[in-house]
């Protein structure tokens, strides 16, 4: 009997009934969508252990499609021709299949994030750095010394050292003649008097001044 049934199903596929012959291409696609949805529902019953499940419906052969458009458009057009209940059933079946085939959650960004900081690659802090980012003595101070002019401690504070390096190009200069030579030197009126320095600021300026003297002076000046 199974053989006869299979033979009958095969015959119906190869020789579709007159009603099937009159169906358009999109209608045949819609019918195949319906049958596929029903077959998926039957398979879910088999997976659940149901033994009294009828055989799947065979899909209908499709004639050449004269219309243009991609397959997605064809399936959408066919799906819209299904009844609302068939559309809802198909959506439920497809969702259940997707849930079964993708049970594992997608990894979060935190679980695969690359390590961006490695403490083993840290370098020791240089002892030469200070609050002025090791700016050094500005050339405007060197120009004053070269011309034989007095260099007040005010110019050696952390604050003014940074100011000289950041704003030196825009600070006012005065024209000074020394031994018949003209110099354009830093105008000291732009800075506070060294008499107004508090003890802590005076100490930091004096330490930088001694470092500078050790670099440019002779042994006697260092003593």
N, C-alpha and C. Protein backbone atom coordinates (compact mmCIF):
# COMPACT_ATOMS: atom_id res chain seq x y z
N UNK A 1 0.84 -1.20 0.00
CA UNK A 1 0.00 0.00 0.00
C UNK A 1 0.86 1.24 0.00
N UNK A 2 1.96 1.19 0.75
CA UNK A 2 2.87 2.33 0.76
C UNK A 2 3.43 2.58 -0.60
N UNK A 3 3.67 1.48 -1.33
CA UNK A 3 4.23 1.63 -2.69
C UNK A 3 3.24 2.31 -3.58
N UNK A 4 1.97 1.91 -3.44
CA UNK A 4 0.94 2.52 -4.27
C UNK A 4 0.78 3.98 -3.93
N UNK A 5 0.86 4.26 -2.61
CA UNK A 5 0.72 5.64 -2.19
C UNK A 5 1.85 6.48 -2.72
N UNK A 6 3.07 5.93 -2.65
CA UNK A 6 4.22 6.67 -3.16
C UNK A 6 4.11 6.85 -4.64
N UNK A 7 3.61 5.82 -5.33
CA UNK A 7 3.47 5.92 -6.79
C UNK A 7 2.45 6.97 -7.14
N UNK A 8 1.37 7.03 -6.32
CA UNK A 8 0.34 8.02 -6.59
C UNK A 8 0.84 9.42 -6.38
N UNK A 9 1.66 9.61 -5.31
CA UNK A 9 2.20 10.94 -5.02
C UNK A 9 3.14 11.36 -6.12
N UNK A 10 3.95 10.39 -6.60
CA UNK A 10 4.90 10.72 -7.67
C UNK A 10 4.17 11.06 -8.94
N UNK A 11 3.08 10.31 -9.19
CA UNK A 11 2.31 10.58 -10.40
C UNK A 11 1.66 11.95 -10.34
N UNK A 12 1.18 12.35 -9.14
CA UNK A 12 0.52 13.65 -9.01
C UNK A 12 1.51 14.78 -9.18
N UNK A 13 2.78 14.51 -8.85
CA UNK A 13 3.78 15.54 -9.04
C UNK A 13 4.13 15.70 -10.52
N UNK A 14 4.35 14.56 -11.16
CA UNK A 14 4.74 14.61 -12.58
C UNK A 14 3.58 15.01 -13.47
N UNK A 15 2.37 14.64 -13.08
CA UNK A 15 1.19 14.98 -13.87
C UNK A 15 0.21 15.73 -12.98
N UNK A 16 0.45 16.99 -12.74
CA UNK A 16 -0.42 17.75 -11.84
C UNK A 16 -1.85 17.80 -12.35
N UNK A 17 -2.78 17.90 -11.41
CA UNK A 17 -4.19 17.95 -11.75
C UNK A 17 -4.47 19.20 -12.55
N UNK A 18 -5.61 19.21 -13.27
CA UNK A 18 -5.95 20.41 -14.06
C UNK A 18 -6.00 21.67 -13.24
N UNK A 19 -6.45 21.58 -11.98
CA UNK A 19 -6.53 22.79 -11.17
C UNK A 19 -5.14 23.34 -10.91
N UNK A 20 -4.12 22.45 -10.74
CA UNK A 20 -2.76 22.90 -10.53
C UNK A 20 -2.18 23.50 -11.80
N UNK A 21 -2.57 22.93 -12.95
CA UNK A 21 -2.06 23.46 -14.23
C UNK A 21 -2.53 24.88 -14.46
N UNK A 22 -3.68 25.22 -13.90
CA UNK A 22 -4.23 26.56 -14.11
C UNK A 22 -3.65 27.59 -13.14
N UNK A 23 -2.84 27.15 -12.16
CA UNK A 23 -2.26 28.07 -11.18
C UNK A 23 -1.09 28.83 -11.79
N UNK A 24 -0.98 30.09 -11.45
CA UNK A 24 0.16 30.90 -11.92
C UNK A 24 1.43 30.50 -11.16
N UNK A 25 2.54 31.04 -11.63
CA UNK A 25 3.82 30.74 -10.98
C UNK A 25 3.80 31.16 -9.52
N UNK A 26 3.33 32.36 -9.23
CA UNK A 26 3.29 32.84 -7.86
C UNK A 26 2.35 32.00 -7.00
N UNK A 27 1.26 31.53 -7.59
CA UNK A 27 0.34 30.70 -6.84
C UNK A 27 0.97 29.35 -6.50
N UNK A 28 1.74 28.79 -7.44
CA UNK A 28 2.45 27.55 -7.17
C UNK A 28 3.48 27.75 -6.06
N UNK A 29 4.17 28.88 -6.10
CA UNK A 29 5.16 29.16 -5.05
C UNK A 29 4.46 29.28 -3.70
N UNK A 30 3.31 29.96 -3.68
CA UNK A 30 2.56 30.10 -2.44
C UNK A 30 2.11 28.74 -1.92
N UNK A 31 1.69 27.85 -2.84
CA UNK A 31 1.28 26.51 -2.43
C UNK A 31 2.45 25.74 -1.84
N UNK A 32 3.62 25.89 -2.45
CA UNK A 32 4.82 25.23 -1.92
C UNK A 32 5.22 25.79 -0.56
N UNK A 33 5.03 27.10 -0.37
CA UNK A 33 5.30 27.70 0.94
C UNK A 33 4.37 27.10 1.99
N UNK A 34 3.09 26.95 1.61
CA UNK A 34 2.12 26.35 2.55
C UNK A 34 2.53 24.93 2.90
N UNK A 35 2.89 24.15 1.86
CA UNK A 35 3.26 22.75 2.10
C UNK A 35 4.54 22.67 2.94
N UNK A 36 5.49 23.55 2.67
CA UNK A 36 6.73 23.55 3.46
C UNK A 36 6.45 23.87 4.92
N UNK A 37 5.55 24.85 5.15
CA UNK A 37 5.18 25.20 6.51
C UNK A 37 4.52 24.02 7.22
N UNK A 38 3.60 23.33 6.52
CA UNK A 38 2.93 22.17 7.10
C UNK A 38 3.93 21.06 7.39
N UNK A 39 4.87 20.86 6.46
CA UNK A 39 5.87 19.79 6.64
C UNK A 39 6.77 20.09 7.84
N UNK A 40 7.11 21.36 8.02
CA UNK A 40 7.94 21.72 9.17
C UNK A 40 7.19 21.47 10.48
N UNK A 41 5.88 21.75 10.47
CA UNK A 41 5.08 21.49 11.67
C UNK A 41 5.01 19.99 11.96
N UNK A 42 4.90 19.20 10.89
CA UNK A 42 4.89 17.74 11.07
C UNK A 42 6.22 17.25 11.63
N UNK A 43 7.31 17.82 11.16
CA UNK A 43 8.63 17.42 11.63
C UNK A 43 8.80 17.74 13.12
N UNK A 44 8.26 18.89 13.53
CA UNK A 44 8.33 19.24 14.96
C UNK A 44 7.57 18.22 15.81
N UNK A 45 6.47 17.70 15.29
CA UNK A 45 5.74 16.67 16.02
C UNK A 45 6.56 15.40 16.12
N UNK A 46 7.26 15.05 15.02
CA UNK A 46 8.12 13.86 15.06
C UNK A 46 9.25 14.05 16.07
N UNK A 47 9.84 15.26 16.08
CA UNK A 47 10.93 15.53 17.02
C UNK A 47 10.44 15.44 18.46
N UNK A 48 9.17 15.75 18.68
CA UNK A 48 8.61 15.71 20.03
C UNK A 48 8.24 14.29 20.46
N UNK A 49 8.40 13.32 19.54
CA UNK A 49 8.12 11.92 19.89
C UNK A 49 6.78 11.40 19.42
N UNK A 50 6.04 12.20 18.67
CA UNK A 50 4.74 11.75 18.16
C UNK A 50 4.96 10.76 17.02
N UNK A 51 4.39 9.54 17.14
CA UNK A 51 4.57 8.51 16.11
C UNK A 51 3.41 8.47 15.11
N UNK A 52 2.35 9.14 15.46
CA UNK A 52 1.18 9.14 14.57
C UNK A 52 1.16 10.42 13.75
N UNK A 53 2.15 10.53 12.88
CA UNK A 53 2.30 11.74 12.07
C UNK A 53 2.21 11.36 10.59
N UNK A 54 1.36 12.01 9.82
CA UNK A 54 1.26 11.67 8.40
C UNK A 54 2.52 12.07 7.64
N UNK A 55 2.62 11.55 6.42
CA UNK A 55 3.79 11.83 5.60
C UNK A 55 3.77 13.28 5.11
N UNK A 56 4.95 13.77 4.79
CA UNK A 56 5.05 15.14 4.28
C UNK A 56 4.40 15.25 2.92
N UNK A 57 3.88 16.43 2.64
CA UNK A 57 3.34 16.71 1.32
C UNK A 57 4.48 17.03 0.35
N UNK A 58 4.48 16.44 -0.83
CA UNK A 58 5.54 16.75 -1.80
C UNK A 58 5.35 18.15 -2.37
N UNK A 59 6.47 18.77 -2.71
CA UNK A 59 6.42 20.11 -3.31
C UNK A 59 6.11 20.02 -4.78
N UNK A 60 5.46 21.03 -5.30
CA UNK A 60 5.06 21.07 -6.71
C UNK A 60 6.20 21.58 -7.58
N UNK A 61 6.37 21.00 -8.76
CA UNK A 61 7.40 21.53 -9.69
C UNK A 61 6.96 22.89 -10.22
N UNK A 62 7.94 23.77 -10.37
CA UNK A 62 7.65 25.13 -10.83
C UNK A 62 8.05 25.28 -12.29
N UNK A 63 7.16 25.87 -13.10
CA UNK A 63 7.53 26.17 -14.49
C UNK A 63 8.46 27.38 -14.53
N UNK A 64 9.12 27.62 -15.65
CA UNK A 64 9.96 28.82 -15.76
C UNK A 64 9.16 30.08 -15.46
N UNK A 65 9.76 30.97 -14.69
CA UNK A 65 9.06 32.19 -14.30
C UNK A 65 9.38 33.29 -15.30
N UNK A 66 8.38 33.78 -16.05
CA UNK A 66 8.65 34.82 -17.05
C UNK A 66 8.85 36.19 -16.43
N UNK A 67 8.42 36.36 -15.20
CA UNK A 67 8.52 37.69 -14.59
C UNK A 67 9.93 37.93 -14.07
N UNK A 68 10.28 39.20 -13.97
CA UNK A 68 11.59 39.59 -13.45
C UNK A 68 11.51 39.77 -11.95
N UNK A 69 12.65 39.89 -11.32
CA UNK A 69 12.70 40.08 -9.86
C UNK A 69 13.47 38.97 -9.20
N UNK A 70 14.05 39.24 -8.08
CA UNK A 70 14.85 38.24 -7.39
C UNK A 70 13.96 37.27 -6.62
N UNK A 71 14.60 36.23 -6.06
CA UNK A 71 13.84 35.19 -5.37
C UNK A 71 13.18 35.71 -4.10
N UNK A 72 13.83 36.67 -3.45
CA UNK A 72 13.23 37.22 -2.25
C UNK A 72 11.90 37.89 -2.55
N UNK A 73 11.87 38.64 -3.65
CA UNK A 73 10.63 39.30 -4.04
C UNK A 73 9.55 38.25 -4.36
N UNK A 74 9.97 37.14 -5.01
CA UNK A 74 9.01 36.10 -5.37
C UNK A 74 8.44 35.45 -4.12
N UNK A 75 9.29 35.15 -3.13
CA UNK A 75 8.81 34.53 -1.92
C UNK A 75 7.92 35.47 -1.11
N UNK A 76 8.28 36.75 -1.10
CA UNK A 76 7.43 37.71 -0.40
C UNK A 76 6.06 37.80 -1.05
N UNK A 77 6.07 37.84 -2.37
CA UNK A 77 4.79 37.90 -3.10
C UNK A 77 3.96 36.65 -2.82
N UNK A 78 4.63 35.48 -2.78
CA UNK A 78 3.90 34.25 -2.52
C UNK A 78 3.38 34.20 -1.09
N UNK A 79 4.19 34.66 -0.15
CA UNK A 79 3.81 34.62 1.26
C UNK A 79 2.59 35.49 1.52
N UNK A 80 2.52 36.60 0.82
CA UNK A 80 1.38 37.50 1.02
C UNK A 80 0.08 36.90 0.51
N UNK A 81 0.17 35.88 -0.35
CA UNK A 81 -1.04 35.26 -0.86
C UNK A 81 -1.59 34.19 0.07
N UNK A 82 -0.81 33.82 1.11
CA UNK A 82 -1.30 32.86 2.09
C UNK A 82 -2.36 33.51 2.97
N UNK A 83 -3.18 32.65 3.56
CA UNK A 83 -4.19 33.16 4.50
C UNK A 83 -3.49 33.65 5.76
N UNK A 84 -4.14 34.54 6.52
CA UNK A 84 -3.53 35.04 7.77
C UNK A 84 -3.13 33.93 8.74
N UNK A 85 -3.96 32.88 8.84
CA UNK A 85 -3.64 31.79 9.75
C UNK A 85 -2.40 31.03 9.29
N UNK A 86 -2.27 30.83 7.96
CA UNK A 86 -1.09 30.14 7.44
C UNK A 86 0.16 30.98 7.64
N UNK A 87 0.05 32.29 7.46
CA UNK A 87 1.19 33.17 7.69
C UNK A 87 1.63 33.12 9.16
N UNK A 88 0.66 33.15 10.06
CA UNK A 88 0.99 33.11 11.48
C UNK A 88 1.63 31.78 11.86
N UNK A 89 1.11 30.68 11.30
CA UNK A 89 1.66 29.36 11.59
C UNK A 89 3.09 29.25 11.06
N UNK A 90 3.31 29.78 9.85
CA UNK A 90 4.64 29.73 9.28
C UNK A 90 5.64 30.53 10.10
N UNK A 91 5.22 31.69 10.60
CA UNK A 91 6.11 32.52 11.41
C UNK A 91 6.49 31.81 12.70
N UNK A 92 5.51 31.12 13.34
CA UNK A 92 5.79 30.40 14.58
C UNK A 92 6.77 29.26 14.34
N UNK A 93 6.54 28.52 13.22
CA UNK A 93 7.42 27.38 12.91
C UNK A 93 8.84 27.85 12.64
N UNK A 94 8.98 28.90 11.84
CA UNK A 94 10.31 29.41 11.52
C UNK A 94 11.03 29.92 12.77
N UNK A 95 10.28 30.56 13.67
CA UNK A 95 10.89 31.06 14.90
C UNK A 95 11.37 29.91 15.79
N UNK A 96 10.59 28.83 15.84
CA UNK A 96 10.98 27.68 16.66
C UNK A 96 12.20 27.00 16.07
N UNK A 97 12.30 26.95 14.74
CA UNK A 97 13.47 26.35 14.10
C UNK A 97 14.71 27.19 14.38
N UNK A 98 14.57 28.49 14.28
CA UNK A 98 15.71 29.38 14.54
C UNK A 98 16.18 29.25 15.98
N UNK A 99 15.24 29.09 16.93
CA UNK A 99 15.60 28.94 18.34
C UNK A 99 16.36 27.64 18.56
N UNK A 100 15.94 26.58 17.86
CA UNK A 100 16.59 25.27 18.03
C UNK A 100 17.98 25.26 17.41
N UNK A 101 18.14 25.93 16.27
CA UNK A 101 19.44 25.91 15.59
C UNK A 101 20.42 26.90 16.16
N UNK A 102 19.95 27.88 16.96
CA UNK A 102 20.85 28.88 17.56
C UNK A 102 20.60 28.95 19.06
N UNK A 103 20.90 27.87 19.81
CA UNK A 103 20.63 27.90 21.24
C UNK A 103 21.62 28.71 22.04
N UNK A 104 22.85 28.82 21.53
CA UNK A 104 23.90 29.51 22.31
C UNK A 104 23.76 31.00 22.15
N UNK A 105 23.86 31.76 23.27
CA UNK A 105 23.79 33.23 23.17
C UNK A 105 25.01 33.79 22.48
N UNK A 106 24.84 34.90 21.83
CA UNK A 106 25.94 35.57 21.16
C UNK A 106 26.90 36.14 22.20
N UNK A 107 28.21 35.94 22.02
CA UNK A 107 29.15 36.44 23.04
C UNK A 107 29.09 37.95 23.15
N UNK A 108 29.22 38.43 24.37
CA UNK A 108 29.21 39.87 24.59
C UNK A 108 30.57 40.45 24.28
N UNK A 109 30.62 41.79 24.13
CA UNK A 109 31.87 42.46 23.83
C UNK A 109 32.88 42.28 24.95
N UNK A 110 32.38 42.26 26.19
CA UNK A 110 33.29 42.15 27.33
C UNK A 110 33.99 40.81 27.37
N UNK A 111 33.35 39.74 26.86
CA UNK A 111 33.96 38.42 26.93
C UNK A 111 35.05 38.22 25.90
N UNK A 112 35.08 39.04 24.86
CA UNK A 112 36.10 38.87 23.83
C UNK A 112 36.97 40.13 23.69
N UNK A 113 36.85 41.03 24.65
CA UNK A 113 37.59 42.28 24.54
C UNK A 113 39.09 42.03 24.64
N UNK A 114 39.86 42.74 23.85
CA UNK A 114 41.31 42.62 23.87
C UNK A 114 41.88 43.42 25.03
N UNK A 115 42.91 42.86 25.66
CA UNK A 115 43.57 43.57 26.75
C UNK A 115 44.31 44.77 26.19
N UNK A 116 43.96 45.97 26.69
CA UNK A 116 44.55 47.20 26.17
C UNK A 116 45.66 47.73 27.06
N UNK A 117 45.76 47.23 28.27
CA UNK A 117 46.79 47.73 29.18
C UNK A 117 47.47 46.55 29.85
N UNK A 118 48.78 46.52 29.81
CA UNK A 118 49.57 45.45 30.41
C UNK A 118 50.54 46.07 31.40
N UNK A 119 50.35 45.79 32.70
CA UNK A 119 51.18 46.41 33.72
C UNK A 119 52.64 45.96 33.63
N UNK A 120 52.89 44.81 32.97
CA UNK A 120 54.27 44.35 32.86
C UNK A 120 55.09 45.19 31.90
N UNK A 121 54.41 46.03 31.09
CA UNK A 121 55.11 46.86 30.13
C UNK A 121 55.30 48.29 30.61
N UNK A 122 55.00 48.55 31.88
CA UNK A 122 55.19 49.88 32.43
C UNK A 122 56.67 50.22 32.52
N UNK A 123 57.00 51.48 32.31
CA UNK A 123 58.37 51.96 32.42
C UNK A 123 58.53 52.76 33.70
N UNK A 124 59.70 52.72 34.32
CA UNK A 124 59.90 53.50 35.55
C UNK A 124 59.83 54.99 35.28
N UNK A 125 59.29 55.73 36.25
CA UNK A 125 59.16 57.18 36.12
C UNK A 125 60.53 57.84 36.19
N UNK A 126 60.77 58.74 35.25
CA UNK A 126 62.05 59.45 35.25
C UNK A 126 62.11 60.45 36.39
N UNK A 127 63.22 60.45 37.12
CA UNK A 127 63.37 61.39 38.24
C UNK A 127 63.60 62.81 37.76
N UNK A 128 63.89 62.97 36.45
CA UNK A 128 64.14 64.31 35.93
C UNK A 128 62.89 65.11 35.65
N UNK A 129 61.70 64.47 35.70
CA UNK A 129 60.46 65.17 35.42
C UNK A 129 60.02 65.95 36.65
N UNK A 130 59.46 67.13 36.43
CA UNK A 130 58.92 67.94 37.52
C UNK A 130 57.61 68.52 37.08
N UNK A 131 57.10 69.47 37.86
CA UNK A 131 55.78 70.02 37.56
C UNK A 131 55.76 70.84 36.28
N UNK A 132 56.89 71.18 35.72
CA UNK A 132 56.95 71.95 34.47
C UNK A 132 57.25 71.05 33.28
N UNK A 133 57.11 69.73 33.48
CA UNK A 133 57.34 68.77 32.42
C UNK A 133 58.75 68.89 31.82
N UNK A 134 59.72 69.23 32.69
CA UNK A 134 61.13 69.29 32.29
C UNK A 134 61.33 70.25 31.12
N UNK A 135 60.73 71.46 31.22
CA UNK A 135 60.87 72.44 30.15
C UNK A 135 62.31 72.89 29.98
N UNK A 136 63.05 72.99 31.08
CA UNK A 136 64.40 73.53 30.98
C UNK A 136 64.40 75.06 31.02
N UNK A 137 65.61 75.63 30.91
CA UNK A 137 65.76 77.08 30.94
C UNK A 137 65.49 77.66 29.56
N UNK A 138 64.62 78.67 29.52
CA UNK A 138 64.23 79.25 28.24
C UNK A 138 65.36 80.11 27.67
N UNK A 139 65.44 80.21 26.35
CA UNK A 139 66.51 80.98 25.71
C UNK A 139 66.42 82.48 26.01
N UNK A 140 65.25 82.99 26.39
CA UNK A 140 65.14 84.40 26.75
C UNK A 140 65.95 84.72 28.01
N UNK A 141 66.01 83.73 28.92
CA UNK A 141 66.86 83.91 30.10
C UNK A 141 68.33 83.84 29.70
N UNK A 142 68.64 82.93 28.79
CA UNK A 142 70.02 82.83 28.31
C UNK A 142 70.45 84.13 27.63
N UNK A 143 69.52 84.77 26.89
CA UNK A 143 69.85 86.04 26.23
C UNK A 143 70.17 87.12 27.25
N UNK A 144 69.41 87.15 28.35
CA UNK A 144 69.69 88.14 29.40
C UNK A 144 71.09 87.93 29.97
N UNK A 145 71.43 86.67 30.23
CA UNK A 145 72.75 86.38 30.80
C UNK A 145 73.86 86.71 29.81
N UNK A 146 73.65 86.42 28.55
CA UNK A 146 74.67 86.70 27.52
C UNK A 146 74.94 88.20 27.41
N UNK A 147 73.87 89.01 27.57
CA UNK A 147 74.02 90.46 27.49
C UNK A 147 74.51 91.06 28.80
N UNK A 148 74.69 90.22 29.82
CA UNK A 148 75.17 90.71 31.11
C UNK A 148 74.10 91.33 31.96
N UNK A 149 72.85 91.07 31.68
CA UNK A 149 71.74 91.62 32.44
C UNK A 149 71.40 90.70 33.63
N UNK A 150 70.79 91.30 34.63
CA UNK A 150 70.41 90.54 35.82
C UNK A 150 69.23 89.63 35.51
N UNK A 151 69.28 88.40 36.01
CA UNK A 151 68.20 87.42 35.82
C UNK A 151 67.55 87.16 37.17
N UNK A 152 66.40 87.75 37.43
CA UNK A 152 65.76 87.61 38.75
C UNK A 152 65.22 86.19 38.95
N UNK A 153 65.13 85.78 40.21
CA UNK A 153 64.62 84.45 40.52
C UNK A 153 63.19 84.25 40.03
N UNK A 154 62.48 85.34 39.84
CA UNK A 154 61.10 85.24 39.36
C UNK A 154 61.01 84.43 38.08
N UNK A 155 62.02 84.54 37.22
CA UNK A 155 62.00 83.85 35.94
C UNK A 155 62.18 82.33 36.08
N UNK A 156 62.57 81.86 37.26
CA UNK A 156 62.88 80.44 37.44
C UNK A 156 61.81 79.67 38.20
N UNK A 157 60.70 80.31 38.51
CA UNK A 157 59.62 79.57 39.19
C UNK A 157 58.97 78.60 38.20
N UNK A 158 58.29 77.60 38.73
CA UNK A 158 57.60 76.64 37.86
C UNK A 158 56.58 77.34 36.96
N UNK A 159 55.84 78.25 37.57
CA UNK A 159 54.79 78.96 36.82
C UNK A 159 55.36 79.75 35.66
N UNK A 160 56.42 80.53 35.92
CA UNK A 160 56.98 81.39 34.87
C UNK A 160 57.83 80.60 33.88
N UNK A 161 58.41 79.49 34.32
CA UNK A 161 59.12 78.63 33.36
C UNK A 161 58.16 78.10 32.32
N UNK A 162 56.99 77.64 32.78
CA UNK A 162 55.98 77.16 31.83
C UNK A 162 55.46 78.31 30.97
N UNK A 163 55.29 79.48 31.56
CA UNK A 163 54.80 80.65 30.81
C UNK A 163 55.77 81.04 29.71
N UNK A 164 57.07 81.02 30.02
CA UNK A 164 58.07 81.38 29.01
C UNK A 164 58.03 80.43 27.82
N UNK A 165 57.86 79.15 28.11
CA UNK A 165 57.87 78.16 27.02
C UNK A 165 56.57 78.18 26.22
N UNK A 166 55.47 78.52 26.85
CA UNK A 166 54.19 78.52 26.14
C UNK A 166 53.89 79.87 25.47
N UNK A 167 54.35 80.97 26.07
CA UNK A 167 53.98 82.30 25.58
C UNK A 167 55.19 83.15 25.21
N UNK A 168 56.36 82.55 25.21
CA UNK A 168 57.58 83.32 24.97
C UNK A 168 57.57 84.11 23.67
N UNK A 169 56.95 83.56 22.64
CA UNK A 169 56.95 84.24 21.34
C UNK A 169 56.12 85.53 21.36
N UNK A 170 55.20 85.63 22.32
CA UNK A 170 54.32 86.81 22.36
C UNK A 170 54.66 87.77 23.50
N UNK A 171 55.63 87.44 24.34
CA UNK A 171 55.99 88.33 25.44
C UNK A 171 56.73 89.57 24.93
N UNK A 172 56.55 90.67 25.64
CA UNK A 172 57.15 91.95 25.24
C UNK A 172 58.67 91.92 25.44
N UNK A 173 59.38 92.54 24.48
CA UNK A 173 60.82 92.69 24.56
C UNK A 173 61.20 94.17 24.52
N UNK A 174 62.33 94.48 25.13
CA UNK A 174 62.82 95.87 25.14
C UNK A 174 64.18 95.91 24.44
N UNK A 175 64.39 97.02 23.74
CA UNK A 175 65.68 97.21 23.06
C UNK A 175 66.69 97.81 24.04
N UNK A 176 67.80 97.11 24.23
CA UNK A 176 68.82 97.51 25.20
C UNK A 176 70.17 97.54 24.50
N UNK A 177 70.94 98.63 24.77
CA UNK A 177 72.28 98.76 24.20
C UNK A 177 73.31 98.41 25.27
N UNK A 178 74.14 97.44 24.99
CA UNK A 178 75.18 97.00 25.91
C UNK A 178 76.52 97.01 25.17
N UNK A 179 77.43 97.88 25.65
CA UNK A 179 78.75 98.01 25.01
C UNK A 179 78.64 98.27 23.52
N UNK A 180 77.67 99.16 23.19
CA UNK A 180 77.49 99.54 21.79
C UNK A 180 76.77 98.51 20.94
N UNK A 181 76.32 97.44 21.56
CA UNK A 181 75.60 96.40 20.82
C UNK A 181 74.12 96.44 21.23
N UNK A 182 73.26 96.41 20.23
CA UNK A 182 71.82 96.47 20.49
C UNK A 182 71.27 95.05 20.72
N UNK A 183 70.48 94.91 21.79
CA UNK A 183 69.86 93.61 22.11
C UNK A 183 68.35 93.81 22.31
N UNK A 184 67.58 92.85 21.87
CA UNK A 184 66.14 92.84 22.15
C UNK A 184 65.92 91.78 23.23
N UNK A 185 65.78 92.26 24.46
CA UNK A 185 65.72 91.38 25.62
C UNK A 185 64.32 91.38 26.24
N UNK A 186 64.06 90.35 27.00
CA UNK A 186 62.77 90.19 27.67
C UNK A 186 62.52 91.37 28.61
N UNK A 187 61.32 91.95 28.51
CA UNK A 187 60.93 93.06 29.38
C UNK A 187 60.49 92.47 30.72
N UNK A 188 61.28 92.72 31.77
CA UNK A 188 61.02 92.12 33.08
C UNK A 188 59.83 92.74 33.80
N UNK A 189 59.31 93.85 33.27
CA UNK A 189 58.15 94.48 33.92
C UNK A 189 56.90 93.61 33.79
N UNK A 190 56.94 92.58 32.94
CA UNK A 190 55.81 91.68 32.76
C UNK A 190 55.72 90.63 33.88
N UNK A 191 56.73 90.61 34.75
CA UNK A 191 56.79 89.61 35.81
C UNK A 191 56.81 90.30 37.17
N UNK A 192 56.31 89.57 38.18
CA UNK A 192 56.29 90.12 39.53
C UNK A 192 57.71 90.24 40.06
N UNK A 193 57.88 91.04 41.10
CA UNK A 193 59.18 91.22 41.72
C UNK A 193 59.55 89.99 42.53
N UNK A 194 60.83 89.66 42.53
CA UNK A 194 61.25 88.50 43.29
C UNK A 194 61.09 88.73 44.79
N UNK A 195 60.93 89.98 45.21
CA UNK A 195 60.69 90.27 46.62
C UNK A 195 59.31 89.80 47.06
N UNK A 196 58.41 89.59 46.10
CA UNK A 196 57.04 89.18 46.43
C UNK A 196 56.88 87.66 46.44
N UNK A 197 57.95 86.93 46.19
CA UNK A 197 57.86 85.47 46.16
C UNK A 197 57.68 84.94 47.58
N UNK A 198 56.77 83.97 47.73
CA UNK A 198 56.63 83.32 49.04
C UNK A 198 57.78 82.35 49.23
N UNK A 199 58.05 81.91 50.45
CA UNK A 199 59.22 81.06 50.72
C UNK A 199 59.28 79.79 49.88
N UNK A 200 58.15 79.12 49.69
CA UNK A 200 58.15 77.87 48.93
C UNK A 200 58.48 78.12 47.46
N UNK A 201 57.87 79.16 46.88
CA UNK A 201 58.14 79.48 45.48
C UNK A 201 59.58 79.95 45.31
N UNK A 202 60.08 80.71 46.27
CA UNK A 202 61.47 81.17 46.20
C UNK A 202 62.42 79.97 46.22
N UNK A 203 62.10 78.95 47.03
CA UNK A 203 62.95 77.77 47.12
C UNK A 203 62.98 77.00 45.80
N UNK A 204 61.83 76.80 45.18
CA UNK A 204 61.80 76.07 43.92
C UNK A 204 62.53 76.83 42.82
N UNK A 205 62.40 78.17 42.82
CA UNK A 205 63.09 78.98 41.83
C UNK A 205 64.61 78.93 42.05
N UNK A 206 65.00 78.96 43.30
CA UNK A 206 66.44 78.96 43.61
C UNK A 206 67.08 77.62 43.23
N UNK A 207 66.37 76.52 43.44
CA UNK A 207 66.89 75.21 43.05
C UNK A 207 67.09 75.12 41.54
N UNK A 208 66.14 75.65 40.77
CA UNK A 208 66.29 75.64 39.32
C UNK A 208 67.43 76.58 38.89
N UNK A 209 67.56 77.69 39.59
CA UNK A 209 68.63 78.64 39.29
C UNK A 209 70.00 77.99 39.51
N UNK A 210 70.16 77.24 40.62
CA UNK A 210 71.43 76.57 40.90
C UNK A 210 71.74 75.51 39.84
N UNK A 211 70.72 74.80 39.39
CA UNK A 211 70.93 73.80 38.33
C UNK A 211 71.42 74.46 37.06
N UNK A 212 70.84 75.62 36.75
CA UNK A 212 71.24 76.35 35.55
C UNK A 212 72.68 76.87 35.68
N UNK A 213 73.02 77.42 36.83
CA UNK A 213 74.38 77.94 37.05
C UNK A 213 75.41 76.81 36.93
N UNK A 214 75.04 75.62 37.43
CA UNK A 214 75.96 74.48 37.33
C UNK A 214 76.22 74.10 35.89
N UNK A 215 75.24 74.37 35.00
CA UNK A 215 75.41 74.02 33.59
C UNK A 215 76.23 75.06 32.83
N UNK A 216 76.06 76.35 33.18
CA UNK A 216 76.69 77.39 32.37
C UNK A 216 77.88 78.06 33.06
N UNK A 217 77.98 77.92 34.40
CA UNK A 217 79.02 78.65 35.12
C UNK A 217 80.30 77.84 35.31
N UNK A 218 81.33 78.51 35.84
CA UNK A 218 82.58 77.83 36.15
C UNK A 218 82.52 77.28 37.57
N UNK A 219 83.57 76.63 37.99
CA UNK A 219 83.60 76.01 39.31
C UNK A 219 83.41 77.04 40.43
N UNK A 220 83.96 78.22 40.24
CA UNK A 220 83.86 79.25 41.26
C UNK A 220 82.42 79.72 41.44
N UNK A 221 81.70 79.83 40.34
CA UNK A 221 80.31 80.28 40.44
C UNK A 221 79.44 79.25 41.14
N UNK A 222 79.79 77.97 40.95
CA UNK A 222 79.00 76.91 41.59
C UNK A 222 79.23 76.94 43.10
N UNK A 223 80.46 77.21 43.51
CA UNK A 223 80.77 77.28 44.94
C UNK A 223 80.08 78.47 45.57
